[in-house]
């Protein structure tokens, strides 16, 4: 589950066996780049990338800020900043770098064909993973029906 457009920061095992329901500017930037990378590998369509990035940007617009800067940690379910509230120069820089890379990647994306070889490579990868799972789990393979003419 991805509440309100953000992904989780980490899965913490040491103190609590539960998902850490927080995110940071660094995580937000890398999430946005991962959507573009998923397209580059053929796993997302252009429309899916646009939907994910639009949803994320809309969510960023709802976040509390300090003098225009995103704070360092937000609860991803409520979007409220976590204590202590502060601006991290490192996280702000990471977000800026991610947005810069995203801008260049999106400029390139709009110049590529809607359906290119990457989409088929993504399908091939998915088929290979499915094949490996079927073999590992010992799932009987369905044979194609033969036509009788």
N, C-alpha and C. Protein backbone atom coordinates (compact mmCIF):
# COMPACT_ATOMS: atom_id res chain seq x y z
N UNK A 1 0.83 -1.17 0.00
CA UNK A 1 0.00 0.00 0.00
C UNK A 1 0.88 1.24 0.00
N UNK A 2 0.55 2.22 -0.82
CA UNK A 2 1.32 3.45 -0.93
C UNK A 2 0.39 4.61 -0.60
N UNK A 3 0.22 4.91 0.68
CA UNK A 3 -0.68 6.00 1.06
C UNK A 3 -0.23 7.34 0.51
N UNK A 4 -1.17 8.10 0.00
CA UNK A 4 -0.97 9.50 -0.38
C UNK A 4 0.18 9.75 -1.34
N UNK A 5 0.57 8.77 -2.14
CA UNK A 5 1.52 9.02 -3.20
C UNK A 5 2.99 8.85 -2.87
N UNK A 6 3.33 8.47 -1.66
CA UNK A 6 4.74 8.30 -1.31
C UNK A 6 5.02 6.85 -0.96
N UNK A 7 6.29 6.49 -1.13
CA UNK A 7 6.72 5.16 -0.71
C UNK A 7 7.36 5.26 0.67
N UNK A 8 7.49 4.13 1.29
CA UNK A 8 8.03 4.05 2.64
C UNK A 8 9.52 4.33 2.64
N UNK A 9 10.03 4.79 3.77
CA UNK A 9 11.45 5.04 3.91
C UNK A 9 12.23 3.74 4.07
N UNK A 10 11.76 2.86 4.90
CA UNK A 10 12.47 1.61 5.13
C UNK A 10 11.57 0.62 5.87
N UNK A 11 12.03 -0.61 5.94
CA UNK A 11 11.36 -1.63 6.74
C UNK A 11 12.26 -1.86 7.93
N UNK A 12 11.80 -1.51 9.11
CA UNK A 12 12.63 -1.56 10.31
C UNK A 12 12.35 -2.83 11.08
N UNK A 13 13.39 -3.61 11.31
CA UNK A 13 13.24 -4.87 12.02
C UNK A 13 13.77 -4.75 13.44
N UNK A 14 14.76 -3.90 13.67
CA UNK A 14 15.46 -3.88 14.94
C UNK A 14 14.57 -3.61 16.15
N UNK A 15 13.72 -2.60 16.07
CA UNK A 15 12.92 -2.27 17.24
C UNK A 15 11.46 -2.63 17.07
N UNK A 16 10.96 -2.49 15.88
CA UNK A 16 9.56 -2.78 15.61
C UNK A 16 9.48 -3.53 14.30
N UNK A 17 8.76 -4.59 14.29
CA UNK A 17 8.60 -5.38 13.08
C UNK A 17 7.43 -4.82 12.27
N UNK A 18 7.64 -3.61 11.71
CA UNK A 18 6.58 -2.96 10.95
C UNK A 18 7.19 -1.98 9.95
N UNK A 19 6.37 -1.54 9.05
CA UNK A 19 6.83 -0.57 8.06
C UNK A 19 7.05 0.78 8.72
N UNK A 20 8.09 1.48 8.31
CA UNK A 20 8.34 2.83 8.79
C UNK A 20 7.54 3.77 7.90
N UNK A 21 6.51 4.35 8.43
CA UNK A 21 5.57 5.15 7.65
C UNK A 21 6.03 6.60 7.58
N UNK A 22 7.24 6.80 7.03
CA UNK A 22 7.78 8.14 6.90
C UNK A 22 8.54 8.24 5.59
N UNK A 23 8.74 9.47 5.15
CA UNK A 23 9.53 9.72 3.96
C UNK A 23 10.26 11.04 4.12
N UNK A 24 11.23 11.26 3.23
CA UNK A 24 12.06 12.46 3.28
C UNK A 24 12.19 13.03 1.87
N UNK A 25 12.70 14.25 1.75
CA UNK A 25 12.92 14.81 0.41
C UNK A 25 13.81 13.92 -0.47
N UNK A 26 14.82 13.29 0.12
CA UNK A 26 15.66 12.37 -0.65
C UNK A 26 14.82 11.22 -1.20
N UNK A 27 13.99 10.63 -0.35
CA UNK A 27 13.16 9.51 -0.79
C UNK A 27 12.18 9.93 -1.88
N UNK A 28 11.62 11.11 -1.72
CA UNK A 28 10.66 11.61 -2.71
C UNK A 28 11.35 11.76 -4.07
N UNK A 29 12.52 12.37 -4.08
CA UNK A 29 13.25 12.55 -5.33
C UNK A 29 13.63 11.23 -5.98
N UNK A 30 14.11 10.30 -5.18
CA UNK A 30 14.50 9.00 -5.74
C UNK A 30 13.29 8.21 -6.21
N UNK A 31 12.15 8.35 -5.52
CA UNK A 31 10.92 7.71 -5.97
C UNK A 31 10.55 8.24 -7.36
N UNK A 32 10.64 9.54 -7.55
CA UNK A 32 10.28 10.13 -8.84
C UNK A 32 11.24 9.64 -9.93
N UNK A 33 12.52 9.55 -9.63
CA UNK A 33 13.47 9.03 -10.61
C UNK A 33 13.23 7.56 -10.89
N UNK A 34 12.79 6.81 -9.88
CA UNK A 34 12.54 5.38 -10.09
C UNK A 34 11.38 5.16 -11.05
N UNK A 35 10.41 6.05 -11.05
CA UNK A 35 9.31 5.93 -12.01
C UNK A 35 9.83 6.10 -13.43
N UNK A 36 10.71 7.07 -13.63
CA UNK A 36 11.30 7.28 -14.95
C UNK A 36 12.18 6.08 -15.33
N UNK A 37 12.96 5.59 -14.39
CA UNK A 37 13.80 4.43 -14.66
C UNK A 37 12.96 3.20 -15.00
N UNK A 38 11.83 3.03 -14.33
CA UNK A 38 10.95 1.90 -14.64
C UNK A 38 10.47 1.99 -16.09
N UNK A 39 10.21 3.19 -16.57
CA UNK A 39 9.86 3.35 -17.98
C UNK A 39 11.05 2.99 -18.87
N UNK A 40 12.24 3.46 -18.49
CA UNK A 40 13.43 3.19 -19.29
C UNK A 40 13.68 1.69 -19.44
N UNK A 41 13.30 0.91 -18.43
CA UNK A 41 13.47 -0.54 -18.48
C UNK A 41 12.25 -1.26 -19.07
N UNK A 42 11.24 -0.49 -19.46
CA UNK A 42 10.08 -1.08 -20.11
C UNK A 42 9.00 -1.58 -19.17
N UNK A 43 9.02 -1.16 -17.90
CA UNK A 43 8.04 -1.64 -16.92
C UNK A 43 6.86 -0.70 -16.73
N UNK A 44 6.99 0.55 -17.14
CA UNK A 44 5.89 1.51 -17.05
C UNK A 44 5.71 2.19 -18.41
N UNK A 45 4.47 2.50 -18.73
CA UNK A 45 4.19 3.28 -19.92
C UNK A 45 4.41 4.76 -19.61
N UNK A 46 4.42 5.58 -20.64
CA UNK A 46 4.55 7.02 -20.44
C UNK A 46 3.38 7.52 -19.59
N UNK A 47 2.17 7.04 -19.88
CA UNK A 47 1.01 7.45 -19.10
C UNK A 47 1.15 7.09 -17.63
N UNK A 48 1.68 5.92 -17.34
CA UNK A 48 1.87 5.52 -15.94
C UNK A 48 2.90 6.40 -15.25
N UNK A 49 3.97 6.75 -15.96
CA UNK A 49 4.98 7.65 -15.40
C UNK A 49 4.36 9.00 -15.09
N UNK A 50 3.61 9.53 -16.03
CA UNK A 50 2.97 10.84 -15.84
C UNK A 50 2.00 10.78 -14.66
N UNK A 51 1.21 9.71 -14.56
CA UNK A 51 0.27 9.57 -13.44
C UNK A 51 1.00 9.55 -12.11
N UNK A 52 2.06 8.76 -12.02
CA UNK A 52 2.80 8.66 -10.76
C UNK A 52 3.44 9.98 -10.38
N UNK A 53 4.06 10.64 -11.35
CA UNK A 53 4.72 11.91 -11.06
C UNK A 53 3.71 13.00 -10.73
N UNK A 54 2.58 13.02 -11.42
CA UNK A 54 1.54 14.00 -11.13
C UNK A 54 1.02 13.81 -9.72
N UNK A 55 0.74 12.57 -9.35
CA UNK A 55 0.24 12.28 -8.00
C UNK A 55 1.27 12.70 -6.94
N UNK A 56 2.53 12.42 -7.20
CA UNK A 56 3.57 12.79 -6.25
C UNK A 56 3.68 14.31 -6.14
N UNK A 57 3.66 15.03 -7.26
CA UNK A 57 3.76 16.49 -7.21
C UNK A 57 2.55 17.10 -6.50
N UNK A 58 1.38 16.55 -6.72
CA UNK A 58 0.19 17.04 -6.01
C UNK A 58 0.35 16.83 -4.51
N UNK A 59 0.92 15.70 -4.13
CA UNK A 59 1.12 15.40 -2.71
C UNK A 59 2.18 16.33 -2.12
N UNK A 60 3.25 16.60 -2.85
CA UNK A 60 4.27 17.54 -2.38
C UNK A 60 3.64 18.90 -2.11
N UNK A 61 2.69 19.30 -2.95
CA UNK A 61 2.01 20.57 -2.78
C UNK A 61 1.23 20.68 -1.49
N UNK A 62 0.92 19.56 -0.86
CA UNK A 62 0.16 19.54 0.39
C UNK A 62 1.05 19.57 1.63
N UNK A 63 2.36 19.43 1.44
CA UNK A 63 3.27 19.31 2.59
C UNK A 63 3.57 20.66 3.22
N UNK A 64 3.64 20.64 4.54
CA UNK A 64 4.07 21.84 5.28
C UNK A 64 5.54 22.09 4.99
N UNK A 65 5.90 23.38 4.90
CA UNK A 65 7.27 23.77 4.58
C UNK A 65 7.75 24.84 5.56
N UNK A 66 9.04 25.05 5.53
CA UNK A 66 9.64 26.15 6.29
C UNK A 66 10.31 27.06 5.27
N UNK A 67 9.80 28.28 5.14
CA UNK A 67 10.31 29.26 4.19
C UNK A 67 10.50 28.65 2.80
N UNK A 68 9.52 27.85 2.38
CA UNK A 68 9.54 27.25 1.06
C UNK A 68 10.24 25.91 0.97
N UNK A 69 10.98 25.54 2.00
CA UNK A 69 11.75 24.28 1.97
C UNK A 69 10.93 23.15 2.58
N UNK A 70 11.06 21.96 1.97
CA UNK A 70 10.45 20.79 2.59
C UNK A 70 11.19 20.47 3.88
N UNK A 71 10.47 19.98 4.84
CA UNK A 71 11.08 19.54 6.09
C UNK A 71 11.68 18.15 5.88
N UNK A 72 12.40 17.66 6.88
CA UNK A 72 13.16 16.44 6.65
C UNK A 72 12.34 15.15 6.69
N UNK A 73 11.35 15.06 7.55
CA UNK A 73 10.58 13.81 7.65
C UNK A 73 9.09 14.11 7.71
N UNK A 74 8.33 13.30 6.97
CA UNK A 74 6.87 13.41 6.97
C UNK A 74 6.25 12.04 7.20
N UNK A 75 5.16 12.03 7.94
CA UNK A 75 4.34 10.83 8.08
C UNK A 75 3.61 10.65 6.75
N UNK A 76 3.74 9.49 6.11
CA UNK A 76 3.14 9.33 4.79
C UNK A 76 1.64 9.06 4.82
N UNK A 77 1.10 8.81 6.00
CA UNK A 77 -0.34 8.61 6.08
C UNK A 77 -1.09 9.92 6.32
N UNK A 78 -0.48 10.82 7.09
CA UNK A 78 -1.15 12.08 7.44
C UNK A 78 -0.50 13.29 6.76
N UNK A 79 0.70 13.10 6.23
CA UNK A 79 1.51 14.16 5.63
C UNK A 79 1.99 15.20 6.63
N UNK A 80 1.88 14.92 7.90
CA UNK A 80 2.37 15.87 8.90
C UNK A 80 3.87 15.67 9.10
N UNK A 81 4.59 16.77 9.35
CA UNK A 81 6.02 16.66 9.61
C UNK A 81 6.26 15.90 10.92
N UNK A 82 7.33 15.14 10.95
CA UNK A 82 7.71 14.43 12.17
C UNK A 82 8.67 15.30 12.98
N UNK A 83 8.63 15.11 14.28
CA UNK A 83 9.49 15.85 15.19
C UNK A 83 10.86 15.18 15.27
N UNK A 84 11.90 15.92 15.46
CA UNK A 84 11.95 17.37 15.44
C UNK A 84 11.88 17.88 14.01
N UNK A 85 11.19 18.97 13.82
CA UNK A 85 11.03 19.56 12.49
C UNK A 85 12.27 20.35 12.14
N UNK A 86 12.86 20.04 11.01
CA UNK A 86 14.04 20.78 10.55
C UNK A 86 14.19 20.62 9.05
N UNK A 87 14.96 21.51 8.45
CA UNK A 87 15.30 21.44 7.03
C UNK A 87 16.70 20.87 6.94
N UNK A 88 16.86 19.84 6.14
CA UNK A 88 18.16 19.23 5.94
C UNK A 88 18.74 19.71 4.61
N UNK A 89 19.93 20.31 4.67
CA UNK A 89 20.59 20.75 3.45
C UNK A 89 20.91 19.57 2.55
N UNK A 90 21.27 18.44 3.15
CA UNK A 90 21.58 17.24 2.37
C UNK A 90 20.34 16.74 1.64
N UNK A 91 19.24 16.58 2.37
CA UNK A 91 18.03 16.09 1.73
C UNK A 91 17.50 17.08 0.70
N UNK A 92 17.59 18.37 0.98
CA UNK A 92 17.14 19.37 0.01
C UNK A 92 17.99 19.31 -1.25
N UNK A 93 19.29 19.13 -1.07
CA UNK A 93 20.19 19.00 -2.22
C UNK A 93 19.91 17.73 -3.02
N UNK A 94 19.64 16.65 -2.31
CA UNK A 94 19.31 15.39 -3.00
C UNK A 94 18.04 15.54 -3.82
N UNK A 95 17.03 16.21 -3.25
CA UNK A 95 15.78 16.42 -3.98
C UNK A 95 16.03 17.29 -5.20
N UNK A 96 16.81 18.36 -5.04
CA UNK A 96 17.13 19.23 -6.16
C UNK A 96 17.85 18.46 -7.27
N UNK A 97 18.82 17.64 -6.90
CA UNK A 97 19.55 16.85 -7.90
C UNK A 97 18.61 15.88 -8.61
N UNK A 98 17.72 15.25 -7.86
CA UNK A 98 16.76 14.32 -8.46
C UNK A 98 15.83 15.06 -9.43
N UNK A 99 15.36 16.23 -9.04
CA UNK A 99 14.47 16.99 -9.92
C UNK A 99 15.20 17.46 -11.18
N UNK A 100 16.46 17.81 -11.05
CA UNK A 100 17.26 18.20 -12.21
C UNK A 100 17.40 17.01 -13.17
N UNK A 101 17.75 15.85 -12.63
CA UNK A 101 17.88 14.65 -13.46
C UNK A 101 16.53 14.27 -14.07
N UNK A 102 15.47 14.41 -13.30
CA UNK A 102 14.13 14.10 -13.78
C UNK A 102 13.75 15.01 -14.95
N UNK A 103 14.06 16.30 -14.83
CA UNK A 103 13.77 17.25 -15.91
C UNK A 103 14.42 16.79 -17.21
N UNK A 104 15.69 16.43 -17.14
CA UNK A 104 16.41 15.99 -18.34
C UNK A 104 15.86 14.67 -18.87
N UNK A 105 15.53 13.77 -17.97
CA UNK A 105 14.95 12.50 -18.39
C UNK A 105 13.59 12.66 -19.03
N UNK A 106 12.78 13.56 -18.51
CA UNK A 106 11.45 13.79 -19.09
C UNK A 106 11.57 14.49 -20.45
N UNK A 107 12.54 15.40 -20.59
CA UNK A 107 12.77 16.01 -21.90
C UNK A 107 13.09 14.94 -22.94
N UNK A 108 13.90 13.98 -22.56
CA UNK A 108 14.24 12.88 -23.46
C UNK A 108 13.03 11.97 -23.70
N UNK A 109 12.25 11.75 -22.67
CA UNK A 109 11.09 10.87 -22.78
C UNK A 109 10.08 11.37 -23.81
N UNK A 110 9.83 12.66 -23.85
CA UNK A 110 8.83 13.19 -24.77
C UNK A 110 9.31 13.14 -26.22
N UNK A 111 10.58 12.87 -26.43
CA UNK A 111 11.10 12.79 -27.78
C UNK A 111 11.21 11.35 -28.30
N UNK A 112 10.86 10.38 -27.47
CA UNK A 112 10.97 8.98 -27.88
C UNK A 112 9.61 8.46 -28.34
N UNK A 113 9.61 7.42 -29.18
CA UNK A 113 8.34 6.83 -29.61
C UNK A 113 7.55 6.30 -28.41
N UNK A 114 6.24 6.31 -28.54
CA UNK A 114 5.38 5.83 -27.45
C UNK A 114 5.65 4.36 -27.18
N UNK A 115 5.81 3.57 -28.22
CA UNK A 115 6.07 2.14 -28.07
C UNK A 115 7.40 1.84 -28.76
N UNK A 116 8.39 1.54 -27.96
CA UNK A 116 9.70 1.24 -28.54
C UNK A 116 10.20 -0.09 -28.00
N UNK A 117 11.42 -0.41 -28.31
CA UNK A 117 11.99 -1.71 -27.96
C UNK A 117 12.03 -1.93 -26.45
N UNK A 118 12.12 -0.85 -25.65
CA UNK A 118 12.19 -0.99 -24.19
C UNK A 118 10.95 -1.68 -23.63
N UNK A 119 9.79 -1.38 -24.20
CA UNK A 119 8.55 -2.00 -23.71
C UNK A 119 8.62 -3.52 -23.90
N UNK A 120 9.15 -3.96 -25.03
CA UNK A 120 9.24 -5.39 -25.29
C UNK A 120 10.33 -6.04 -24.43
N UNK A 121 11.38 -5.30 -24.14
CA UNK A 121 12.41 -5.81 -23.24
C UNK A 121 11.84 -6.00 -21.83
N UNK A 122 11.00 -5.08 -21.40
CA UNK A 122 10.34 -5.21 -20.09
C UNK A 122 9.44 -6.43 -20.06
N UNK A 123 8.70 -6.66 -21.12
CA UNK A 123 7.84 -7.86 -21.20
C UNK A 123 8.69 -9.12 -21.18
N UNK A 124 9.82 -9.10 -21.90
CA UNK A 124 10.71 -10.27 -21.90
C UNK A 124 11.25 -10.54 -20.49
N UNK A 125 11.68 -9.49 -19.81
CA UNK A 125 12.17 -9.65 -18.43
C UNK A 125 11.10 -10.26 -17.54
N UNK A 126 9.89 -9.74 -17.65
CA UNK A 126 8.78 -10.24 -16.84
C UNK A 126 8.51 -11.71 -17.15
N UNK A 127 8.54 -12.06 -18.43
CA UNK A 127 8.36 -13.46 -18.83
C UNK A 127 9.44 -14.36 -18.26
N UNK A 128 10.68 -13.89 -18.27
CA UNK A 128 11.79 -14.67 -17.71
C UNK A 128 11.62 -14.89 -16.20
N UNK A 129 11.20 -13.86 -15.51
CA UNK A 129 10.96 -13.99 -14.06
C UNK A 129 9.85 -14.99 -13.81
N UNK A 130 8.78 -14.90 -14.57
CA UNK A 130 7.67 -15.85 -14.44
C UNK A 130 8.15 -17.27 -14.70
N UNK A 131 8.95 -17.46 -15.72
CA UNK A 131 9.50 -18.78 -16.05
C UNK A 131 10.33 -19.33 -14.89
N UNK A 132 11.17 -18.48 -14.29
CA UNK A 132 11.99 -18.92 -13.16
C UNK A 132 11.13 -19.32 -11.96
N UNK A 133 10.09 -18.56 -11.69
CA UNK A 133 9.19 -18.87 -10.57
C UNK A 133 8.48 -20.20 -10.83
N UNK A 134 8.00 -20.38 -12.03
CA UNK A 134 7.31 -21.63 -12.39
C UNK A 134 8.24 -22.81 -12.19
N UNK A 135 9.48 -22.71 -12.65
CA UNK A 135 10.45 -23.78 -12.50
C UNK A 135 10.80 -24.03 -11.03
N UNK A 136 11.05 -22.96 -10.29
CA UNK A 136 11.43 -23.08 -8.88
C UNK A 136 10.31 -23.69 -8.03
N UNK A 137 9.09 -23.29 -8.31
CA UNK A 137 7.94 -23.76 -7.53
C UNK A 137 7.40 -25.10 -8.04
N UNK A 138 7.92 -25.58 -9.14
CA UNK A 138 7.45 -26.85 -9.68
C UNK A 138 6.02 -26.79 -10.20
N UNK A 139 5.63 -25.67 -10.70
CA UNK A 139 4.28 -25.49 -11.22
C UNK A 139 4.21 -26.14 -12.60
N UNK A 140 3.22 -27.03 -12.81
CA UNK A 140 3.12 -27.67 -14.12
C UNK A 140 2.86 -26.62 -15.21
N UNK A 141 3.54 -26.77 -16.30
CA UNK A 141 3.41 -25.83 -17.42
C UNK A 141 2.24 -26.26 -18.29
N UNK A 142 1.39 -25.30 -18.61
CA UNK A 142 0.28 -25.59 -19.50
C UNK A 142 0.81 -25.66 -20.93
N UNK A 143 0.43 -26.69 -21.61
CA UNK A 143 0.84 -26.84 -23.00
C UNK A 143 -0.23 -26.22 -23.88
N UNK A 144 0.19 -25.57 -24.96
CA UNK A 144 -0.82 -24.98 -25.86
C UNK A 144 -1.68 -26.07 -26.47
N UNK A 145 -2.94 -25.72 -26.66
CA UNK A 145 -3.87 -26.66 -27.27
C UNK A 145 -3.52 -26.80 -28.75
N UNK A 146 -3.52 -28.03 -29.22
CA UNK A 146 -3.23 -28.24 -30.64
C UNK A 146 -4.54 -28.16 -31.40
N UNK A 147 -4.45 -27.58 -32.57
CA UNK A 147 -5.67 -27.46 -33.37
C UNK A 147 -5.83 -28.72 -34.20
N UNK A 148 -7.04 -29.11 -34.32
CA UNK A 148 -7.34 -30.29 -35.14
C UNK A 148 -8.08 -29.83 -36.37
N UNK A 149 -7.42 -29.91 -37.50
CA UNK A 149 -8.04 -29.49 -38.76
C UNK A 149 -8.36 -30.69 -39.59
